[in-house]
Amino acid sequence: MPIQSHTIQNTTGFHARPARQFAEAASSFPCAIRVCKGAKCVNGKSILGMLTLGAKHLDVLVIEAEGEMAEEALDKLGRIVNQVFVE
């Protein structure tokens, strides 16, 4: 199972807009996607799940993907986590 770690670059953290963008992108892939912050893990295809992580600026998210197109999913989702959203 491919795994990547990414540090949140957005100064306001991983709020509703990036969580929505992440979950929508994750949902476009057929593989299972799990996102962890510390010991808490959620379904990466769930906006609510992503918001419950409470991820803030410089927190590290570990993204795991399993199944078809897992590597492609990790690449796209990593770009979203590394993106700085203009507020």
PDB file of N, CA and C in Angstrom:
ATOM      1  N   MET A   1       0.837  -1.171   0.000  1.00  0.00           N
ATOM      2  CA  MET A   1       0.000   0.000   0.000  1.00  0.00           C
ATOM      3  C   MET A   1       0.886   1.241   0.000  1.00  0.00           C
ATOM      4  N   PRO A   2       0.755   2.089  -1.015  1.00  0.00           N
ATOM      5  CA  PRO A   2       1.543   3.324  -1.064  1.00  0.00           C
ATOM      6  C   PRO A   2       1.119   4.308   0.027  1.00  0.00           C
ATOM      7  N   ILE A   3       2.103   4.989   0.595  1.00  0.00           N
ATOM      8  CA  ILE A   3       1.870   5.967   1.661  1.00  0.00           C
ATOM      9  C   ILE A   3       2.738   7.196   1.390  1.00  0.00           C
ATOM     10  N   GLN A   4       2.166   8.377   1.636  1.00  0.00           N
ATOM     11  CA  GLN A   4       2.925   9.621   1.546  1.00  0.00           C
ATOM     12  C   GLN A   4       2.611  10.481   2.767  1.00  0.00           C
ATOM     13  N   SER A   5       3.575  11.263   3.202  1.00  0.00           N
ATOM     14  CA  SER A   5       3.377  12.242   4.276  1.00  0.00           C
ATOM     15  C   SER A   5       3.541  13.633   3.691  1.00  0.00           C
ATOM     16  N   HIS A   6       2.653  14.534   4.106  1.00  0.00           N
ATOM     17  CA  HIS A   6       2.698  15.918   3.614  1.00  0.00           C
ATOM     18  C   HIS A   6       2.418  16.871   4.762  1.00  0.00           C
ATOM     19  N   THR A   7       3.120  17.984   4.761  1.00  0.00           N
ATOM     20  CA  THR A   7       2.918  19.033   5.752  1.00  0.00           C
ATOM     21  C   THR A   7       1.979  20.083   5.168  1.00  0.00           C
ATOM     22  N   ILE A   8       0.974  20.458   5.925  1.00  0.00           N
ATOM     23  CA  ILE A   8      -0.005  21.442   5.463  1.00  0.00           C
ATOM     24  C   ILE A   8       0.657  22.805   5.346  1.00  0.00           C
ATOM     25  N   GLN A   9       0.600  23.359   4.150  1.00  0.00           N
ATOM     26  CA  GLN A   9       1.236  24.646   3.866  1.00  0.00           C
ATOM     27  C   GLN A   9       0.286  25.825   4.047  1.00  0.00           C
ATOM     28  N   ASN A  10      -1.009  25.580   3.944  1.00  0.00           N
ATOM     29  CA  ASN A  10      -1.987  26.650   4.059  1.00  0.00           C
ATOM     30  C   ASN A  10      -1.964  27.231   5.475  1.00  0.00           C
ATOM     31  N   THR A  11      -1.785  28.541   5.595  1.00  0.00           N
ATOM     32  CA  THR A  11      -1.630  29.158   6.914  1.00  0.00           C
ATOM     33  C   THR A  11      -2.889  29.073   7.767  1.00  0.00           C
ATOM     34  N   THR A  12      -4.046  28.898   7.158  1.00  0.00           N
ATOM     35  CA  THR A  12      -5.285  28.766   7.928  1.00  0.00           C
ATOM     36  C   THR A  12      -5.670  27.309   8.136  1.00  0.00           C
ATOM     37  N   GLY A  13      -4.790  26.399   7.784  1.00  0.00           N
ATOM     38  CA  GLY A  13      -5.043  24.978   8.010  1.00  0.00           C
ATOM     39  C   GLY A  13      -5.871  24.343   6.917  1.00  0.00           C
ATOM     40  N   PHE A  14      -6.354  23.158   7.222  1.00  0.00           N
ATOM     41  CA  PHE A  14      -7.122  22.387   6.247  1.00  0.00           C
ATOM     42  C   PHE A  14      -8.599  22.562   6.566  1.00  0.00           C
ATOM     43  N   HIS A  15      -9.141  23.699   6.183  1.00  0.00           N
ATOM     44  CA  HIS A  15     -10.526  24.065   6.481  1.00  0.00           C
ATOM     45  C   HIS A  15     -11.470  23.537   5.401  1.00  0.00           C
ATOM     46  N   ALA A  16     -12.680  24.058   5.352  1.00  0.00           N
ATOM     47  CA  ALA A  16     -13.735  23.506   4.491  1.00  0.00           C
ATOM     48  C   ALA A  16     -13.368  23.448   3.008  1.00  0.00           C
ATOM     49  N   ARG A  17     -12.809  24.515   2.472  1.00  0.00           N
ATOM     50  CA  ARG A  17     -12.532  24.524   1.030  1.00  0.00           C
ATOM     51  C   ARG A  17     -11.487  23.485   0.638  1.00  0.00           C
ATOM     52  N   PRO A  18     -10.320  23.417   1.278  1.00  0.00           N
ATOM     53  CA  PRO A  18      -9.384  22.365   0.891  1.00  0.00           C
ATOM     54  C   PRO A  18      -9.897  20.966   1.238  1.00  0.00           C
ATOM     55  N   ALA A  19     -10.669  20.833   2.318  1.00  0.00           N
ATOM     56  CA  ALA A  19     -11.228  19.518   2.658  1.00  0.00           C
ATOM     57  C   ALA A  19     -12.186  19.050   1.571  1.00  0.00           C
ATOM     58  N   ARG A  20     -13.012  19.971   1.062  1.00  0.00           N
ATOM     59  CA  ARG A  20     -13.932  19.629  -0.026  1.00  0.00           C
ATOM     60  C   ARG A  20     -13.160  19.250  -1.279  1.00  0.00           C
ATOM     61  N   GLN A  21     -12.165  20.044  -1.622  1.00  0.00           N
ATOM     62  CA  GLN A  21     -11.369  19.772  -2.815  1.00  0.00           C
ATOM     63  C   GLN A  21     -10.666  18.416  -2.682  1.00  0.00           C
ATOM     64  N   PHE A  22     -10.127  18.135  -1.515  1.00  0.00           N
ATOM     65  CA  PHE A  22      -9.432  16.870  -1.273  1.00  0.00           C
ATOM     66  C   PHE A  22     -10.407  15.697  -1.415  1.00  0.00           C
ATOM     67  N   ALA A  23     -11.560  15.775  -0.728  1.00  0.00           N
ATOM     68  CA  ALA A  23     -12.526  14.675  -0.747  1.00  0.00           C
ATOM     69  C   ALA A  23     -13.080  14.443  -2.154  1.00  0.00           C
ATOM     70  N   GLU A  24     -13.337  15.515  -2.885  1.00  0.00           N
ATOM     71  CA  GLU A  24     -13.831  15.358  -4.256  1.00  0.00           C
ATOM     72  C   GLU A  24     -12.780  14.697  -5.145  1.00  0.00           C
ATOM     73  N   ALA A  25     -11.532  15.112  -5.003  1.00  0.00           N
ATOM     74  CA  ALA A  25     -10.460  14.504  -5.793  1.00  0.00           C
ATOM     75  C   ALA A  25     -10.282  13.044  -5.396  1.00  0.00           C
ATOM     76  N   ALA A  26     -10.309  12.750  -4.098  1.00  0.00           N
ATOM     77  CA  ALA A  26     -10.164  11.372  -3.628  1.00  0.00           C
ATOM     78  C   ALA A  26     -11.284  10.494  -4.166  1.00  0.00           C
ATOM     79  N   SER A  27     -12.487  11.042  -4.221  1.00  0.00           N
ATOM     80  CA  SER A  27     -13.645  10.281  -4.695  1.00  0.00           C
ATOM     81  C   SER A  27     -13.569   9.958  -6.183  1.00  0.00           C
ATOM     82  N   SER A  28     -12.730  10.670  -6.899  1.00  0.00           N
ATOM     83  CA  SER A  28     -12.612  10.415  -8.335  1.00  0.00           C
ATOM     84  C   SER A  28     -11.740   9.189  -8.638  1.00  0.00           C
ATOM     85  N   PHE A  29     -11.129   8.608  -7.616  1.00  0.00           N
ATOM     86  CA  PHE A  29     -10.273   7.433  -7.793  1.00  0.00           C
ATOM     87  C   PHE A  29     -10.971   6.192  -7.250  1.00  0.00           C
ATOM     88  N   PRO A  30     -10.755   5.038  -7.901  1.00  0.00           N
ATOM     89  CA  PRO A  30     -11.415   3.803  -7.456  1.00  0.00           C
ATOM     90  C   PRO A  30     -10.786   3.172  -6.216  1.00  0.00           C
ATOM     91  N   CYS A  31      -9.621   3.623  -5.804  1.00  0.00           N
ATOM     92  CA  CYS A  31      -8.926   3.012  -4.663  1.00  0.00           C
ATOM     93  C   CYS A  31      -9.473   3.542  -3.336  1.00  0.00           C
ATOM     94  N   ALA A  32      -9.193   2.817  -2.271  1.00  0.00           N
ATOM     95  CA  ALA A  32      -9.529   3.264  -0.916  1.00  0.00           C
ATOM     96  C   ALA A  32      -8.470   4.257  -0.475  1.00  0.00           C
ATOM     97  N   ILE A  33      -8.898   5.333   0.184  1.00  0.00           N
ATOM     98  CA  ILE A  33      -7.966   6.371   0.619  1.00  0.00           C
ATOM     99  C   ILE A  33      -8.223   6.669   2.094  1.00  0.00           C
ATOM    100  N   ARG A  34      -7.153   6.603   2.863  1.00  0.00           N
ATOM    101  CA  ARG A  34      -7.222   6.872   4.299  1.00  0.00           C
ATOM    102  C   ARG A  34      -6.232   7.975   4.613  1.00  0.00           C
ATOM    103  N   VAL A  35      -6.649   8.901   5.463  1.00  0.00           N
ATOM    104  CA  VAL A  35      -5.796  10.030   5.854  1.00  0.00           C
ATOM    105  C   VAL A  35      -5.671  10.031   7.371  1.00  0.00           C
ATOM    106  N   CYS A  36      -4.436  10.153   7.849  1.00  0.00           N
ATOM    107  CA  CYS A  36      -4.190  10.141   9.293  1.00  0.00           C
ATOM    108  C   CYS A  36      -3.443  11.401   9.716  1.00  0.00           C
ATOM    109  N   LYS A  37      -3.835  11.904  10.873  1.00  0.00           N
ATOM    110  CA  LYS A  37      -3.089  12.965  11.564  1.00  0.00           C
ATOM    111  C   LYS A  37      -2.844  12.413  12.955  1.00  0.00           C
ATOM    112  N   GLY A  38      -1.615  12.069  13.220  1.00  0.00           N
ATOM    113  CA  GLY A  38      -1.308  11.394  14.474  1.00  0.00           C
ATOM    114  C   GLY A  38      -1.988  10.031  14.487  1.00  0.00           C
ATOM    115  N   ALA A  39      -2.693   9.723  15.563  1.00  0.00           N
ATOM    116  CA  ALA A  39      -3.360   8.428  15.697  1.00  0.00           C
ATOM    117  C   ALA A  39      -4.763   8.422  15.101  1.00  0.00           C
ATOM    118  N   LYS A  40      -5.277   9.585  14.707  1.00  0.00           N
ATOM    119  CA  LYS A  40      -6.636   9.665  14.163  1.00  0.00           C
ATOM    120  C   LYS A  40      -6.606   9.484  12.650  1.00  0.00           C
ATOM    121  N   CYS A  41      -7.395   8.529  12.152  1.00  0.00           N
ATOM    122  CA  CYS A  41      -7.469   8.246  10.718  1.00  0.00           C
ATOM    123  C   CYS A  41      -8.920   8.336  10.256  1.00  0.00           C
ATOM    124  N   VAL A  42      -9.094   8.853   9.023  1.00  0.00           N
ATOM    125  CA  VAL A  42     -10.434   9.019   8.449  1.00  0.00           C
ATOM    126  C   VAL A  42     -10.427   8.583   6.996  1.00  0.00           C
ATOM    127  N   ASN A  43     -11.626   8.395   6.462  1.00  0.00           N
ATOM    128  CA  ASN A  43     -11.818   8.116   5.042  1.00  0.00           C
ATOM    129  C   ASN A  43     -11.537   9.417   4.283  1.00  0.00           C
ATOM    130  N   GLY A  44     -10.569   9.402   3.386  1.00  0.00           N
ATOM    131  CA  GLY A  44     -10.204  10.595   2.639  1.00  0.00           C
ATOM    132  C   GLY A  44     -11.247  11.051   1.644  1.00  0.00           C
ATOM    133  N   LYS A  45     -12.270  10.230   1.409  1.00  0.00           N
ATOM    134  CA  LYS A  45     -13.334  10.598   0.478  1.00  0.00           C
ATOM    135  C   LYS A  45     -14.478  11.308   1.190  1.00  0.00           C
ATOM    136  N   SER A  46     -14.345  11.520   2.485  1.00  0.00           N
ATOM    137  CA  SER A  46     -15.385  12.160   3.290  1.00  0.00           C
ATOM    138  C   SER A  46     -14.954  13.574   3.698  1.00  0.00           C
ATOM    139  N   ILE A  47     -15.727  14.562   3.269  1.00  0.00           N
ATOM    140  CA  ILE A  47     -15.422  15.945   3.657  1.00  0.00           C
ATOM    141  C   ILE A  47     -15.483  16.079   5.182  1.00  0.00           C
ATOM    142  N   LEU A  48     -16.538  15.542   5.774  1.00  0.00           N
ATOM    143  CA  LEU A  48     -16.678  15.629   7.225  1.00  0.00           C
ATOM    144  C   LEU A  48     -15.518  14.932   7.931  1.00  0.00           C
ATOM    145  N   GLY A  49     -15.135  13.780   7.424  1.00  0.00           N
ATOM    146  CA  GLY A  49     -13.995  13.079   8.003  1.00  0.00           C
ATOM    147  C   GLY A  49     -12.738  13.918   7.959  1.00  0.00           C
ATOM    148  N   MET A  50     -12.499  14.538   6.817  1.00  0.00           N
ATOM    149  CA  MET A  50     -11.311  15.376   6.678  1.00  0.00           C
ATOM    150  C   MET A  50     -11.351  16.554   7.659  1.00  0.00           C
ATOM    151  N   LEU A  51     -12.526  17.151   7.843  1.00  0.00           N
ATOM    152  CA  LEU A  51     -12.651  18.280   8.767  1.00  0.00           C
ATOM    153  C   LEU A  51     -12.436  17.847  10.214  1.00  0.00           C
ATOM    154  N   THR A  52     -12.846  16.621  10.570  1.00  0.00           N
ATOM    155  CA  THR A  52     -12.693  16.167  11.950  1.00  0.00           C
ATOM    156  C   THR A  52     -11.236  15.955  12.340  1.00  0.00           C
ATOM    157  N   LEU A  53     -10.341  15.910  11.357  1.00  0.00           N
ATOM    158  CA  LEU A  53      -8.921  15.800  11.695  1.00  0.00           C
ATOM    159  C   LEU A  53      -8.419  17.071  12.382  1.00  0.00           C
ATOM    160  N   GLY A  54      -9.086  18.197  12.117  1.00  0.00           N
ATOM    161  CA  GLY A  54      -8.665  19.459  12.732  1.00  0.00           C
ATOM    162  C   GLY A  54      -7.245  19.839  12.357  1.00  0.00           C
ATOM    163  N   ALA A  55      -6.865  19.562  11.128  1.00  0.00           N
ATOM    164  CA  ALA A  55      -5.489  19.792  10.687  1.00  0.00           C
ATOM    165  C   ALA A  55      -5.199  21.291  10.537  1.00  0.00           C
ATOM    166  N   LYS A  56      -4.109  21.700  11.134  1.00  0.00           N
ATOM    167  CA  LYS A  56      -3.691  23.105  11.127  1.00  0.00           C
ATOM    168  C   LYS A  56      -2.391  23.273  10.336  1.00  0.00           C
ATOM    169  N   HIS A  57      -2.030  24.529  10.137  1.00  0.00           N
ATOM    170  CA  HIS A  57      -0.795  24.873   9.438  1.00  0.00           C
ATOM    171  C   HIS A  57       0.388  24.110  10.043  1.00  0.00           C
ATOM    172  N   LEU A  58       1.166  23.476   9.210  1.00  0.00           N
ATOM    173  CA  LEU A  58       2.367  22.709   9.533  1.00  0.00           C
ATOM    174  C   LEU A  58       2.095  21.346  10.195  1.00  0.00           C
ATOM    175  N   ASP A  59       0.814  20.963  10.339  1.00  0.00           N
ATOM    176  CA  ASP A  59       0.513  19.589  10.758  1.00  0.00           C
ATOM    177  C   ASP A  59       0.885  18.647   9.620  1.00  0.00           C
ATOM    178  N   VAL A  60       1.205  17.422   9.968  1.00  0.00           N
ATOM    179  CA  VAL A  60       1.556  16.409   8.961  1.00  0.00           C
ATOM    180  C   VAL A  60       0.385  15.469   8.771  1.00  0.00           C
ATOM    181  N   LEU A  61      -0.008  15.285   7.502  1.00  0.00           N
ATOM    182  CA  LEU A  61      -1.030  14.308   7.142  1.00  0.00           C
ATOM    183  C   LEU A  61      -0.350  13.141   6.445  1.00  0.00           C
ATOM    184  N   VAL A  62      -0.720  11.939   6.845  1.00  0.00           N
ATOM    185  CA  VAL A  62      -0.238  10.726   6.193  1.00  0.00           C
ATOM    186  C   VAL A  62      -1.391  10.210   5.345  1.00  0.00           C
ATOM    187  N   ILE A  63      -1.138  10.080   4.050  1.00  0.00           N
ATOM    188  CA  ILE A  63      -2.168   9.628   3.115  1.00  0.00           C
ATOM    189  C   ILE A  63      -1.801   8.225   2.646  1.00  0.00           C
ATOM    190  N   GLU A  64      -2.758   7.313   2.788  1.00  0.00           N
ATOM    191  CA  GLU A  64      -2.574   5.930   2.346  1.00  0.00           C
ATOM    192  C   GLU A  64      -3.600   5.629   1.269  1.00  0.00           C
ATOM    193  N   ALA A  65      -3.181   4.935   0.238  1.00  0.00           N
ATOM    194  CA  ALA A  65      -4.104   4.537  -0.826  1.00  0.00           C
ATOM    195  C   ALA A  65      -3.889   3.060  -1.126  1.00  0.00           C
ATOM    196  N   GLU A  66      -4.995   2.359  -1.339  1.00  0.00           N
ATOM    197  CA  GLU A  66      -4.898   0.937  -1.624  1.00  0.00           C
ATOM    198  C   GLU A  66      -5.865   0.582  -2.743  1.00  0.00           C
ATOM    199  N   GLY A  67      -5.322  -0.040  -3.770  1.00  0.00           N
ATOM    200  CA  GLY A  67      -6.150  -0.465  -4.888  1.00  0.00           C
ATOM    201  C   GLY A  67      -5.710   0.169  -6.188  1.00  0.00           C
ATOM    202  N   GLU A  68      -6.592   0.062  -7.152  1.00  0.00           N
ATOM    203  CA  GLU A  68      -6.329   0.565  -8.506  1.00  0.00           C
ATOM    204  C   GLU A  68      -6.096   2.073  -8.493  1.00  0.00           C
ATOM    205  N   MET A  69      -5.062   2.522  -9.167  1.00  0.00           N
ATOM    206  CA  MET A  69      -4.673   3.935  -9.324  1.00  0.00           C
ATOM    207  C   MET A  69      -4.218   4.574  -8.014  1.00  0.00           C
ATOM    208  N   ALA A  70      -3.698   3.788  -7.095  1.00  0.00           N
ATOM    209  CA  ALA A  70      -3.268   4.314  -5.790  1.00  0.00           C
ATOM    210  C   ALA A  70      -2.164   5.357  -5.929  1.00  0.00           C
ATOM    211  N   GLU A  71      -1.170   5.081  -6.747  1.00  0.00           N
ATOM    212  CA  GLU A  71      -0.049   6.037  -6.910  1.00  0.00           C
ATOM    213  C   GLU A  71      -0.529   7.358  -7.500  1.00  0.00           C
ATOM    214  N   GLU A  72      -1.397   7.271  -8.504  1.00  0.00           N
ATOM    215  CA  GLU A  72      -1.926   8.491  -9.125  1.00  0.00           C
ATOM    216  C   GLU A  72      -2.728   9.303  -8.115  1.00  0.00           C
ATOM    217  N   ALA A  73      -3.502   8.614  -7.292  1.00  0.00           N
ATOM    218  CA  ALA A  73      -4.294   9.293  -6.269  1.00  0.00           C
ATOM    219  C   ALA A  73      -3.389  10.021  -5.284  1.00  0.00           C
ATOM    220  N   LEU A  74      -2.346   9.356  -4.821  1.00  0.00           N
ATOM    221  CA  LEU A  74      -1.431   9.985  -3.869  1.00  0.00           C
ATOM    222  C   LEU A  74      -0.769  11.222  -4.457  1.00  0.00           C
ATOM    223  N   ASP A  75      -0.388  11.154  -5.716  1.00  0.00           N
ATOM    224  CA  ASP A  75       0.242  12.318  -6.350  1.00  0.00           C
ATOM    225  C   ASP A  75      -0.710  13.512  -6.373  1.00  0.00           C
ATOM    226  N   LYS A  76      -1.946  13.277  -6.811  1.00  0.00           N
ATOM    227  CA  LYS A  76      -2.918  14.370  -6.907  1.00  0.00           C
ATOM    228  C   LYS A  76      -3.274  14.909  -5.519  1.00  0.00           C
ATOM    229  N   LEU A  77      -3.509  14.029  -4.565  1.00  0.00           N
ATOM    230  CA  LEU A  77      -3.905  14.462  -3.230  1.00  0.00           C
ATOM    231  C   LEU A  77      -2.769  15.173  -2.504  1.00  0.00           C
ATOM    232  N   GLY A  78      -1.551  14.740  -2.742  1.00  0.00           N
ATOM    233  CA  GLY A  78      -0.395  15.417  -2.159  1.00  0.00           C
ATOM    234  C   GLY A  78      -0.275  16.844  -2.651  1.00  0.00           C
ATOM    235  N   ARG A  79      -0.585  17.059  -3.918  1.00  0.00           N
ATOM    236  CA  ARG A  79      -0.550  18.426  -4.472  1.00  0.00           C
ATOM    237  C   ARG A  79      -1.596  19.307  -3.786  1.00  0.00           C
ATOM    238  N   ILE A  80      -2.741  18.741  -3.456  1.00  0.00           N
ATOM    239  CA  ILE A  80      -3.793  19.519  -2.782  1.00  0.00           C
ATOM    240  C   ILE A  80      -3.345  19.906  -1.372  1.00  0.00           C
ATOM    241  N   VAL A  81      -2.769  18.971  -0.636  1.00  0.00           N
ATOM    242  CA  VAL A  81      -2.295  19.267   0.725  1.00  0.00           C
ATOM    243  C   VAL A  81      -1.198  20.327   0.689  1.00  0.00           C
ATOM    244  N   ASN A  82      -0.342  20.277  -0.309  1.00  0.00           N
ATOM    245  CA  ASN A  82       0.787  21.216  -0.401  1.00  0.00           C
ATOM    246  C   ASN A  82       0.389  22.580  -0.957  1.00  0.00           C
ATOM    247  N   GLN A  83      -0.821  22.700  -1.438  1.00  0.00           N
ATOM    248  CA  GLN A  83      -1.300  23.943  -2.049  1.00  0.00           C
ATOM    249  C   GLN A  83      -1.551  24.992  -0.967  1.00  0.00           C
ATOM    250  N   VAL A  84      -1.247  26.229  -1.300  1.00  0.00           N
ATOM    251  CA  VAL A  84      -1.570  27.362  -0.424  1.00  0.00           C
ATOM    252  C   VAL A  84      -2.781  28.047  -1.013  1.00  0.00           C
ATOM    253  N   PHE A  85      -3.882  28.051  -0.274  1.00  0.00           N
ATOM    254  CA  PHE A  85      -5.113  28.654  -0.750  1.00  0.00           C
ATOM    255  C   PHE A  85      -5.103  30.140  -0.425  1.00  0.00           C
ATOM    256  N   VAL A  86      -5.511  30.960  -1.381  1.00  0.00           N
ATOM    257  CA  VAL A  86      -5.584  32.405  -1.162  1.00  0.00           C
ATOM    258  C   VAL A  86      -6.871  32.680  -0.402  1.00  0.00           C
ATOM    259  N   GLU A  87      -6.752  33.295   0.738  1.00  0.00           N
ATOM    260  CA  GLU A  87      -7.920  33.572   1.594  1.00  0.00           C
ATOM    261  C   GLU A  87      -8.492  34.927   1.293  1.00  0.00           C
TER     262      GLU A  87
END
